[in-house]
N, C-alpha and C. Protein backbone atom coordinates (compact mmCIF):
# COMPACT_ATOMS: atom_id res chain seq x y z
N MET A 1 0.84 -1.18 0.00
CA MET A 1 0.00 0.00 0.00
C MET A 1 0.89 1.25 0.00
N ARG A 2 0.63 2.16 -0.94
CA ARG A 2 1.41 3.39 -1.03
C ARG A 2 0.66 4.52 -0.33
N ILE A 3 1.41 5.31 0.42
CA ILE A 3 0.80 6.45 1.12
C ILE A 3 0.66 7.62 0.15
N PHE A 4 1.66 7.83 -0.68
CA PHE A 4 1.65 8.96 -1.62
C PHE A 4 0.95 8.57 -2.90
N GLU A 5 0.03 9.38 -3.33
CA GLU A 5 -0.62 9.22 -4.63
C GLU A 5 -0.39 10.51 -5.41
N SER A 6 0.24 10.38 -6.56
CA SER A 6 0.51 11.58 -7.34
C SER A 6 -0.80 12.24 -7.76
N GLY A 7 -0.78 13.53 -7.79
CA GLY A 7 -1.98 14.27 -8.19
C GLY A 7 -2.79 14.76 -7.02
N LEU A 8 -2.36 14.48 -5.81
CA LEU A 8 -3.16 14.92 -4.67
C LEU A 8 -2.53 16.14 -4.00
N GLN A 9 -1.93 15.98 -2.87
CA GLN A 9 -1.50 17.10 -2.04
C GLN A 9 -0.47 18.05 -2.67
N PRO A 10 0.60 17.60 -3.26
CA PRO A 10 1.60 18.58 -3.76
C PRO A 10 1.03 19.58 -4.77
N GLU A 11 0.17 19.13 -5.65
CA GLU A 11 -0.40 20.03 -6.66
C GLU A 11 -1.32 21.05 -6.02
N ARG A 12 -2.14 20.63 -5.06
CA ARG A 12 -3.04 21.57 -4.38
C ARG A 12 -2.23 22.61 -3.61
N THR A 13 -1.17 22.16 -2.98
CA THR A 13 -0.32 23.09 -2.23
C THR A 13 0.34 24.09 -3.17
N LEU A 14 0.83 23.60 -4.31
CA LEU A 14 1.45 24.49 -5.30
C LEU A 14 0.45 25.55 -5.77
N LEU A 15 -0.75 25.12 -6.09
CA LEU A 15 -1.74 26.08 -6.57
C LEU A 15 -2.13 27.08 -5.49
N ALA A 16 -2.24 26.63 -4.25
CA ALA A 16 -2.59 27.54 -3.16
C ALA A 16 -1.49 28.59 -2.95
N TRP A 17 -0.23 28.16 -3.00
CA TRP A 17 0.87 29.11 -2.84
C TRP A 17 0.92 30.08 -4.01
N ARG A 18 0.66 29.59 -5.20
CA ARG A 18 0.67 30.49 -6.37
C ARG A 18 -0.44 31.54 -6.25
N ARG A 19 -1.63 31.12 -5.81
CA ARG A 19 -2.71 32.09 -5.61
C ARG A 19 -2.32 33.11 -4.56
N THR A 20 -1.70 32.66 -3.48
CA THR A 20 -1.28 33.57 -2.43
C THR A 20 -0.27 34.58 -2.96
N CYS A 21 0.69 34.11 -3.73
CA CYS A 21 1.71 35.01 -4.29
C CYS A 21 1.09 36.01 -5.26
N LEU A 22 0.15 35.57 -6.07
CA LEU A 22 -0.49 36.48 -7.02
C LEU A 22 -1.30 37.55 -6.29
N VAL A 23 -1.99 37.17 -5.22
CA VAL A 23 -2.76 38.15 -4.45
C VAL A 23 -1.81 39.13 -3.76
N LEU A 24 -0.70 38.64 -3.23
CA LEU A 24 0.28 39.54 -2.63
C LEU A 24 0.86 40.50 -3.66
N ALA A 25 1.13 40.01 -4.86
CA ALA A 25 1.65 40.88 -5.92
C ALA A 25 0.63 41.97 -6.26
N LEU A 26 -0.62 41.60 -6.30
CA LEU A 26 -1.67 42.58 -6.56
C LEU A 26 -1.71 43.61 -5.43
N GLY A 27 -1.61 43.14 -4.19
CA GLY A 27 -1.60 44.07 -3.05
C GLY A 27 -0.43 45.02 -3.10
N VAL A 28 0.74 44.52 -3.47
CA VAL A 28 1.92 45.37 -3.59
C VAL A 28 1.73 46.39 -4.71
N ALA A 29 1.20 45.95 -5.83
CA ALA A 29 0.98 46.86 -6.96
C ALA A 29 -0.01 47.98 -6.58
N VAL A 30 -1.06 47.62 -5.88
CA VAL A 30 -2.03 48.64 -5.44
C VAL A 30 -1.37 49.57 -4.42
N SER A 31 -0.55 49.02 -3.53
CA SER A 31 0.15 49.85 -2.56
C SER A 31 1.10 50.83 -3.24
N ILE A 32 1.79 50.36 -4.26
CA ILE A 32 2.68 51.25 -5.01
C ILE A 32 1.87 52.35 -5.68
N ARG A 33 0.77 51.97 -6.27
CA ARG A 33 -0.07 52.94 -6.99
C ARG A 33 -0.58 54.03 -6.07
N TYR A 34 -1.17 53.65 -4.93
CA TYR A 34 -1.72 54.65 -4.03
C TYR A 34 -0.65 55.30 -3.17
N GLY A 35 0.43 54.61 -2.91
CA GLY A 35 1.53 55.21 -2.17
C GLY A 35 2.25 56.26 -2.98
N ALA A 36 2.24 56.10 -4.30
CA ALA A 36 2.91 57.06 -5.18
C ALA A 36 2.22 58.42 -5.16
N ILE A 37 0.98 58.44 -4.74
CA ILE A 37 0.27 59.73 -4.64
C ILE A 37 0.92 60.59 -3.56
N ALA A 38 1.24 59.97 -2.43
CA ALA A 38 1.83 60.71 -1.31
C ALA A 38 3.33 60.92 -1.50
N ASP A 39 4.05 59.84 -1.80
CA ASP A 39 5.51 59.92 -1.93
C ASP A 39 5.97 58.85 -2.93
N PRO A 40 6.17 59.23 -4.19
CA PRO A 40 6.54 58.24 -5.21
C PRO A 40 7.84 57.50 -4.92
N LEU A 41 8.84 58.19 -4.39
CA LEU A 41 10.12 57.54 -4.11
C LEU A 41 9.98 56.48 -3.02
N LEU A 42 9.27 56.82 -1.95
CA LEU A 42 9.07 55.86 -0.86
C LEU A 42 8.25 54.67 -1.34
N ALA A 43 7.26 54.93 -2.17
CA ALA A 43 6.43 53.84 -2.69
C ALA A 43 7.28 52.87 -3.51
N LEU A 44 8.19 53.39 -4.31
CA LEU A 44 9.06 52.53 -5.11
C LEU A 44 10.10 51.82 -4.25
N LEU A 45 10.64 52.52 -3.24
CA LEU A 45 11.66 51.91 -2.37
C LEU A 45 11.09 50.75 -1.56
N ILE A 46 9.82 50.83 -1.22
CA ILE A 46 9.19 49.73 -0.50
C ILE A 46 8.58 48.71 -1.46
N GLY A 47 7.98 49.19 -2.53
CA GLY A 47 7.23 48.31 -3.44
C GLY A 47 8.08 47.41 -4.31
N VAL A 48 9.18 47.91 -4.83
CA VAL A 48 10.02 47.10 -5.72
C VAL A 48 10.64 45.90 -4.99
N PRO A 49 11.21 46.10 -3.79
CA PRO A 49 11.71 44.91 -3.08
C PRO A 49 10.59 43.93 -2.70
N ALA A 50 9.42 44.47 -2.39
CA ALA A 50 8.29 43.59 -2.06
C ALA A 50 7.88 42.77 -3.27
N LEU A 51 7.86 43.40 -4.45
CA LEU A 51 7.55 42.64 -5.67
C LEU A 51 8.61 41.58 -5.95
N ALA A 52 9.87 41.92 -5.67
CA ALA A 52 10.95 40.94 -5.86
C ALA A 52 10.77 39.76 -4.90
N LEU A 53 10.37 40.04 -3.67
CA LEU A 53 10.12 38.96 -2.71
C LEU A 53 8.96 38.07 -3.15
N VAL A 54 7.92 38.69 -3.67
CA VAL A 54 6.78 37.89 -4.15
C VAL A 54 7.22 37.03 -5.33
N GLY A 55 7.99 37.60 -6.24
CA GLY A 55 8.50 36.82 -7.37
C GLY A 55 9.37 35.67 -6.91
N GLY A 56 10.21 35.94 -5.92
CA GLY A 56 11.04 34.88 -5.36
C GLY A 56 10.22 33.79 -4.69
N ALA A 57 9.20 34.19 -3.95
CA ALA A 57 8.32 33.20 -3.31
C ALA A 57 7.60 32.37 -4.35
N TYR A 58 7.18 33.01 -5.44
CA TYR A 58 6.50 32.29 -6.52
C TYR A 58 7.43 31.24 -7.13
N ALA A 59 8.69 31.65 -7.37
CA ALA A 59 9.66 30.70 -7.93
C ALA A 59 9.97 29.58 -6.94
N LEU A 60 10.08 29.92 -5.66
CA LEU A 60 10.37 28.90 -4.65
C LEU A 60 9.25 27.86 -4.54
N THR A 61 8.02 28.29 -4.80
CA THR A 61 6.92 27.32 -4.73
C THR A 61 7.08 26.24 -5.79
N SER A 62 7.51 26.62 -6.98
CA SER A 62 7.72 25.62 -8.04
C SER A 62 8.88 24.69 -7.70
N ILE A 63 9.96 25.27 -7.17
CA ILE A 63 11.10 24.45 -6.78
C ILE A 63 10.71 23.49 -5.67
N ARG A 64 9.98 24.01 -4.69
CA ARG A 64 9.55 23.17 -3.57
C ARG A 64 8.62 22.06 -4.04
N TYR A 65 7.73 22.39 -4.97
CA TYR A 65 6.82 21.37 -5.50
C TYR A 65 7.60 20.24 -6.17
N ARG A 66 8.58 20.60 -7.01
CA ARG A 66 9.36 19.56 -7.69
C ARG A 66 10.13 18.69 -6.70
N ARG A 67 10.73 19.33 -5.71
CA ARG A 67 11.48 18.57 -4.70
C ARG A 67 10.56 17.67 -3.88
N ALA A 68 9.41 18.19 -3.48
CA ALA A 68 8.48 17.39 -2.67
C ALA A 68 7.95 16.21 -3.47
N THR A 69 7.60 16.44 -4.72
CA THR A 69 7.09 15.35 -5.54
C THR A 69 8.16 14.29 -5.76
N ARG A 70 9.38 14.74 -6.05
CA ARG A 70 10.48 13.80 -6.25
C ARG A 70 10.74 12.99 -4.98
N ALA A 71 10.73 13.66 -3.84
CA ALA A 71 10.97 12.96 -2.57
C ALA A 71 9.85 11.97 -2.26
N LEU A 72 8.62 12.36 -2.53
CA LEU A 72 7.50 11.47 -2.24
C LEU A 72 7.43 10.29 -3.20
N VAL A 73 7.88 10.49 -4.43
CA VAL A 73 7.91 9.37 -5.38
C VAL A 73 8.97 8.37 -4.97
N ASN A 74 10.12 8.88 -4.52
CA ASN A 74 11.21 7.99 -4.11
C ASN A 74 10.93 7.33 -2.77
N ASP A 75 10.34 8.06 -1.82
CA ASP A 75 10.02 7.53 -0.50
C ASP A 75 8.65 8.07 -0.11
N PRO A 76 7.59 7.27 -0.23
CA PRO A 76 6.23 7.75 0.02
C PRO A 76 5.98 8.27 1.43
N THR A 77 6.83 7.96 2.38
CA THR A 77 6.63 8.45 3.74
C THR A 77 7.49 9.67 4.05
N ALA A 78 8.16 10.23 3.05
CA ALA A 78 9.07 11.36 3.27
C ALA A 78 8.28 12.60 3.70
N ALA A 79 8.82 13.27 4.68
CA ALA A 79 8.24 14.54 5.12
C ALA A 79 9.17 15.65 4.63
N VAL A 80 8.66 16.48 3.74
CA VAL A 80 9.46 17.54 3.16
C VAL A 80 9.00 18.86 3.77
N SER A 81 9.94 19.61 4.29
CA SER A 81 9.58 20.92 4.85
C SER A 81 10.66 21.92 4.49
N GLY A 82 10.27 23.13 4.43
CA GLY A 82 11.18 24.23 4.15
C GLY A 82 10.48 25.52 4.51
N GLY A 83 11.21 26.51 4.91
CA GLY A 83 10.57 27.72 5.38
C GLY A 83 10.86 28.96 4.57
N ARG A 84 11.60 28.82 3.47
CA ARG A 84 11.96 30.01 2.70
C ARG A 84 10.76 30.67 2.05
N ALA A 85 9.87 29.89 1.48
CA ALA A 85 8.69 30.48 0.84
C ALA A 85 7.79 31.15 1.87
N VAL A 86 7.62 30.51 3.00
CA VAL A 86 6.80 31.09 4.06
C VAL A 86 7.43 32.38 4.56
N ALA A 87 8.74 32.40 4.73
CA ALA A 87 9.43 33.60 5.19
C ALA A 87 9.32 34.73 4.17
N ALA A 88 9.44 34.42 2.89
CA ALA A 88 9.33 35.45 1.85
C ALA A 88 7.93 36.06 1.82
N VAL A 89 6.92 35.22 1.94
CA VAL A 89 5.54 35.72 1.92
C VAL A 89 5.27 36.54 3.18
N THR A 90 5.77 36.09 4.32
CA THR A 90 5.59 36.83 5.57
C THR A 90 6.27 38.18 5.50
N LEU A 91 7.49 38.22 4.99
CA LEU A 91 8.22 39.48 4.86
C LEU A 91 7.50 40.43 3.90
N THR A 92 6.95 39.91 2.83
CA THR A 92 6.21 40.75 1.88
C THR A 92 4.96 41.32 2.53
N ALA A 93 4.23 40.50 3.28
CA ALA A 93 3.04 40.99 3.97
C ALA A 93 3.42 42.06 4.99
N LEU A 94 4.54 41.88 5.66
CA LEU A 94 5.02 42.88 6.61
C LEU A 94 5.36 44.18 5.90
N LEU A 95 6.03 44.11 4.75
CA LEU A 95 6.35 45.32 3.98
C LEU A 95 5.09 46.04 3.51
N ILE A 96 4.08 45.27 3.09
CA ILE A 96 2.82 45.90 2.68
C ILE A 96 2.18 46.61 3.86
N GLY A 97 2.20 45.97 5.02
CA GLY A 97 1.64 46.59 6.21
C GLY A 97 2.38 47.85 6.61
N LEU A 98 3.71 47.82 6.55
CA LEU A 98 4.50 49.01 6.87
C LEU A 98 4.24 50.13 5.88
N ALA A 99 4.13 49.78 4.61
CA ALA A 99 3.83 50.80 3.59
C ALA A 99 2.46 51.42 3.84
N ALA A 100 1.49 50.60 4.21
CA ALA A 100 0.16 51.13 4.51
C ALA A 100 0.20 52.04 5.73
N LEU A 101 0.97 51.66 6.75
CA LEU A 101 1.11 52.49 7.95
C LEU A 101 1.75 53.83 7.62
N VAL A 102 2.82 53.81 6.82
CA VAL A 102 3.48 55.06 6.42
C VAL A 102 2.52 55.93 5.63
N PHE A 103 1.75 55.34 4.75
CA PHE A 103 0.80 56.11 3.94
C PHE A 103 -0.26 56.75 4.82
N VAL A 104 -0.83 55.98 5.76
CA VAL A 104 -1.89 56.50 6.62
C VAL A 104 -1.35 57.61 7.52
N VAL A 105 -0.17 57.40 8.09
CA VAL A 105 0.40 58.41 8.98
C VAL A 105 0.76 59.67 8.19
N SER A 106 1.29 59.50 7.00
CA SER A 106 1.67 60.68 6.20
C SER A 106 0.46 61.48 5.72
N GLN A 107 -0.68 60.84 5.61
CA GLN A 107 -1.89 61.52 5.17
C GLN A 107 -2.77 61.99 6.32
N SER A 108 -2.35 61.75 7.54
CA SER A 108 -3.16 62.06 8.71
C SER A 108 -3.21 63.56 8.95
N SER A 109 -4.41 64.08 9.15
CA SER A 109 -4.57 65.51 9.43
C SER A 109 -4.15 65.83 10.86
N VAL A 110 -4.24 64.86 11.77
CA VAL A 110 -3.80 65.08 13.15
C VAL A 110 -2.29 65.29 13.17
N LEU A 111 -1.57 64.47 12.43
CA LEU A 111 -0.11 64.60 12.37
C LEU A 111 0.27 65.92 11.71
N ALA A 112 -0.46 66.34 10.70
CA ALA A 112 -0.17 67.59 10.01
C ALA A 112 -0.38 68.77 10.94
N GLY A 113 -1.33 68.70 11.89
CA GLY A 113 -1.57 69.76 12.84
C GLY A 113 -0.45 69.91 13.83
N TRP A 114 0.25 68.84 14.14
CA TRP A 114 1.38 68.89 15.08
C TRP A 114 2.61 69.51 14.44
N LEU A 115 2.73 69.33 13.14
CA LEU A 115 3.91 69.85 12.45
C LEU A 115 3.62 71.24 12.01
C-alpha cells in the first residue's frame, strides 16, 4: 500500500501558494499605486523589493513542488519541509503593512496639525 498518490497534495499546495503570491503581488501593486500619490520615491523603495520577494516566493513554490514530488515518489513516507517560501511571503506581507502604515500616517490631518 502506497501512502503517496501523485496528483493529490503537492499540486493543491502548489496552486494555493501560487494564488497567495499572485494576491500579494496585486496588493503590492495597489500599494505602489496609491503610495505614489503621497511619496513616489518611498512607494518605489518599499514596493520594488516587495515585488521581488513575491516573485522569489513564486519561484520557490515551483522548486519546492518539484522537490516534494520527487521525494514522495522515491520515498512515500518522506516529510518535506522548508521555510523560505513562508518567510518570503511573511516578509512581503510585513512590507505591505509598513507601507500602509506610512501612507496613513503621512496623510493624517492630526499629524499635520502637530507639524
